[in-house]
Amino acid sequence: MLRTSLGYILIRTFPECAIVLFVGCYFLNLKISMSTLLKNTLIVGVIQSCIRMLPISFGIHTIIGMALVLFVLVNMSEQTFINSIMALCKIFLCLILSESIYIWLLIDVLSVPDALLIDNYTVMGAIYSLPSLILFVILSIILDLVTKRFKGGMNVESNK
């Protein structure tokens, strides 16, 4: 069970849920309203916070969270389940990369003590981790551009 403060939930969890859902819509080429995004963010944020408080191991939290995001993406889109799974895989690939790169930059490059970043579920811990969400968005855009370029290259090759 994670001991997450209300401040951490408000400062980190809800913005992360909003950005994850927004990136999922970006990957699926969905046009949704801001009110739909905010409603789904609230739902995912509350459920995600409850999941994190369950007395289960951390890896299970992640898998349940992935299933939750998948369910919401499928519900928001009219696309196939496979497309939503692909979007989910891209999302979590970018999340893992952004968190890893951000922690590496702070600990190894800027010499920030790792105790400030790892297992820190306070308001300050949430604030320290917010820039990784910017990195997440940048990596998502790069991945989407590379994927589209790769698909475009495959289509050119198959037309020859």
Protein backbone atom coordinates (compact mmCIF):
# COMPACT_ATOMS: atom_id res chain seq x y z
CA MET A 1 0.00 0.00 0.00
CA LEU A 2 1.31 3.42 -0.94
CA ARG A 3 0.97 6.23 1.53
CA THR A 4 -0.02 8.99 -0.86
CA SER A 5 -1.01 12.40 0.52
CA LEU A 6 -3.99 14.34 -0.77
CA GLY A 7 -1.60 17.05 -1.99
CA TYR A 8 0.33 14.49 -4.03
CA ILE A 9 -2.91 13.21 -5.56
CA LEU A 10 -4.02 16.71 -6.53
CA ILE A 11 -0.63 17.92 -7.80
CA ARG A 12 0.66 14.77 -9.49
CA THR A 13 -2.02 12.12 -10.00
CA PHE A 14 -4.74 14.23 -11.61
CA PRO A 15 -2.41 16.07 -14.03
CA GLU A 16 -0.79 12.76 -14.95
CA CYS A 17 -4.19 11.18 -15.61
CA ALA A 18 -5.23 14.15 -17.75
CA ILE A 19 -2.03 14.04 -19.78
CA VAL A 20 -2.17 10.26 -20.18
CA LEU A 21 -5.74 10.44 -21.47
CA PHE A 22 -4.91 13.40 -23.70
CA VAL A 23 -1.93 11.52 -25.19
CA GLY A 24 -4.14 8.45 -25.63
CA CYS A 25 -6.59 10.59 -27.60
CA TYR A 26 -3.65 11.97 -29.60
CA PHE A 27 -2.43 8.46 -30.46
CA LEU A 28 -5.96 7.42 -31.44
CA ASN A 29 -6.62 10.66 -33.37
CA LEU A 30 -9.69 11.35 -31.23
CA LYS A 31 -11.37 14.73 -31.17
CA ILE A 32 -12.93 15.06 -27.73
CA SER A 33 -14.24 18.03 -25.80
CA MET A 34 -12.46 19.50 -22.80
CA SER A 35 -15.42 18.56 -20.60
CA THR A 36 -15.19 14.91 -21.69
CA LEU A 37 -11.44 14.90 -20.99
CA LEU A 38 -11.94 16.48 -17.56
CA LYS A 39 -14.78 14.09 -16.64
CA ASN A 40 -12.68 11.06 -17.61
CA THR A 41 -9.64 12.53 -15.84
CA LEU A 42 -11.64 12.86 -12.64
CA ILE A 43 -12.89 9.28 -12.91
CA VAL A 44 -9.45 7.85 -13.69
CA GLY A 45 -7.76 10.00 -11.03
CA VAL A 46 -10.10 8.93 -8.26
CA ILE A 47 -9.97 5.24 -9.21
CA GLN A 48 -6.19 5.37 -9.71
CA SER A 49 -5.75 6.95 -6.27
CA CYS A 50 -7.92 4.24 -4.70
CA ILE A 51 -5.95 1.54 -6.52
CA ARG A 52 -2.69 2.93 -5.15
CA MET A 53 -4.06 2.69 -1.62
CA LEU A 54 -4.94 -1.00 -1.92
CA PRO A 55 -2.74 -3.39 0.08
CA ILE A 56 -1.25 -5.01 -3.04
CA SER A 57 2.26 -4.92 -4.46
CA PHE A 58 3.33 -2.01 -6.64
CA GLY A 59 3.53 -3.91 -9.95
CA ILE A 60 -0.09 -4.96 -9.60
CA HIS A 61 -1.08 -1.29 -9.16
CA THR A 62 0.51 -0.55 -12.52
CA ILE A 63 -1.26 -3.40 -14.32
CA ILE A 64 -4.64 -2.44 -12.87
CA GLY A 65 -3.96 1.20 -13.80
CA MET A 66 -3.15 0.15 -17.35
CA ALA A 67 -6.40 -1.79 -17.58
CA LEU A 68 -8.27 1.26 -16.28
CA VAL A 69 -6.71 3.55 -18.90
CA LEU A 70 -7.43 0.96 -21.61
CA PHE A 71 -11.07 0.73 -20.53
CA VAL A 72 -11.46 4.53 -20.64
CA LEU A 73 -9.74 4.82 -24.05
CA VAL A 74 -11.94 2.09 -25.51
CA ASN A 75 -14.99 3.79 -24.02
CA MET A 76 -14.01 7.20 -25.47
CA SER A 77 -13.16 5.95 -28.93
CA GLU A 78 -15.03 4.09 -31.61
CA GLN A 79 -11.87 2.40 -32.75
CA THR A 80 -10.96 -1.22 -32.43
CA PHE A 81 -9.79 -2.73 -29.19
CA ILE A 82 -6.42 -3.46 -30.84
CA ASN A 83 -5.87 0.24 -31.67
CA SER A 84 -6.57 1.14 -28.04
CA ILE A 85 -4.12 -1.52 -26.85
CA MET A 86 -1.47 -0.14 -29.21
CA ALA A 87 -2.09 3.37 -27.89
CA LEU A 88 -1.85 2.06 -24.32
CA CYS A 89 1.47 0.36 -25.07
CA LYS A 90 2.83 3.60 -26.54
CA ILE A 91 1.62 5.54 -23.50
CA PHE A 92 3.29 3.27 -21.00
CA LEU A 93 6.47 3.01 -23.06
CA CYS A 94 6.69 6.81 -23.04
CA LEU A 95 5.85 6.97 -19.32
CA ILE A 96 8.57 4.49 -18.43
CA LEU A 97 11.10 6.28 -20.61
CA SER A 98 10.19 9.74 -19.32
CA GLU A 99 10.40 8.68 -15.67
CA SER A 100 13.70 6.86 -16.24
CA ILE A 101 15.28 9.72 -18.14
CA TYR A 102 14.04 12.29 -15.64
CA ILE A 103 15.32 10.37 -12.62
CA TRP A 104 18.65 9.77 -14.37
CA LEU A 105 18.99 13.48 -15.18
CA LEU A 106 18.21 14.56 -11.64
CA ILE A 107 20.26 11.95 -9.78
CA ASP A 108 23.27 11.40 -12.04
CA VAL A 109 23.55 14.72 -13.86
CA LEU A 110 22.22 17.26 -11.34
CA SER A 111 23.15 15.26 -8.20
CA VAL A 112 19.73 15.61 -6.57
CA PRO A 113 19.45 13.13 -3.67
CA ASP A 114 17.38 10.16 -4.77
CA ALA A 115 15.39 10.27 -1.51
CA LEU A 116 13.70 13.44 -2.82
CA LEU A 117 12.40 11.55 -5.86
CA ILE A 118 11.90 7.91 -5.01
CA ASP A 119 9.21 6.91 -2.49
CA ASN A 120 8.42 10.57 -1.85
CA TYR A 121 4.64 10.97 -1.95
CA THR A 122 4.49 14.41 -0.38
CA VAL A 123 3.52 17.69 -2.04
CA MET A 124 7.20 18.48 -2.67
CA GLY A 125 7.70 15.02 -4.17
CA ALA A 126 4.81 15.71 -6.53
CA ILE A 127 6.26 19.07 -7.53
CA TYR A 128 9.71 17.54 -8.17
CA SER A 129 8.15 14.93 -10.46
CA LEU A 130 6.00 17.26 -12.58
CA PRO A 131 8.68 18.02 -15.22
CA SER A 132 8.71 14.33 -16.14
CA LEU A 133 5.19 14.86 -17.52
CA ILE A 134 6.57 17.43 -19.97
CA LEU A 135 9.20 14.89 -21.00
CA PHE A 136 6.38 12.32 -21.38
CA VAL A 137 4.52 14.58 -23.81
CA ILE A 138 7.69 15.26 -25.82
CA LEU A 139 8.51 11.54 -26.03
CA SER A 140 4.91 10.79 -27.06
CA ILE A 141 5.09 13.28 -29.92
CA ILE A 142 8.45 11.89 -31.04
CA LEU A 143 7.16 8.30 -30.88
CA ASP A 144 4.08 9.25 -32.88
CA LEU A 145 6.19 11.01 -35.53
CA VAL A 146 8.58 8.05 -35.79
CA THR A 147 5.66 5.60 -35.97
CA LYS A 148 3.94 7.61 -38.71
CA ARG A 149 7.20 7.94 -40.62
CA PHE A 150 7.83 4.20 -40.30
CA LYS A 151 4.29 3.43 -41.48
CA GLY A 152 4.72 5.88 -44.36
CA GLY A 153 7.98 4.19 -45.34
CA MET A 154 6.29 0.79 -45.23
CA ASN A 155 3.48 2.02 -47.50
CA VAL A 156 5.98 3.42 -50.02
CA GLU A 157 7.88 0.15 -50.02
CA SER A 158 4.74 -1.94 -50.56
CA ASN A 159 3.64 0.23 -53.51
CA LYS A 160 6.77 -0.54 -55.54
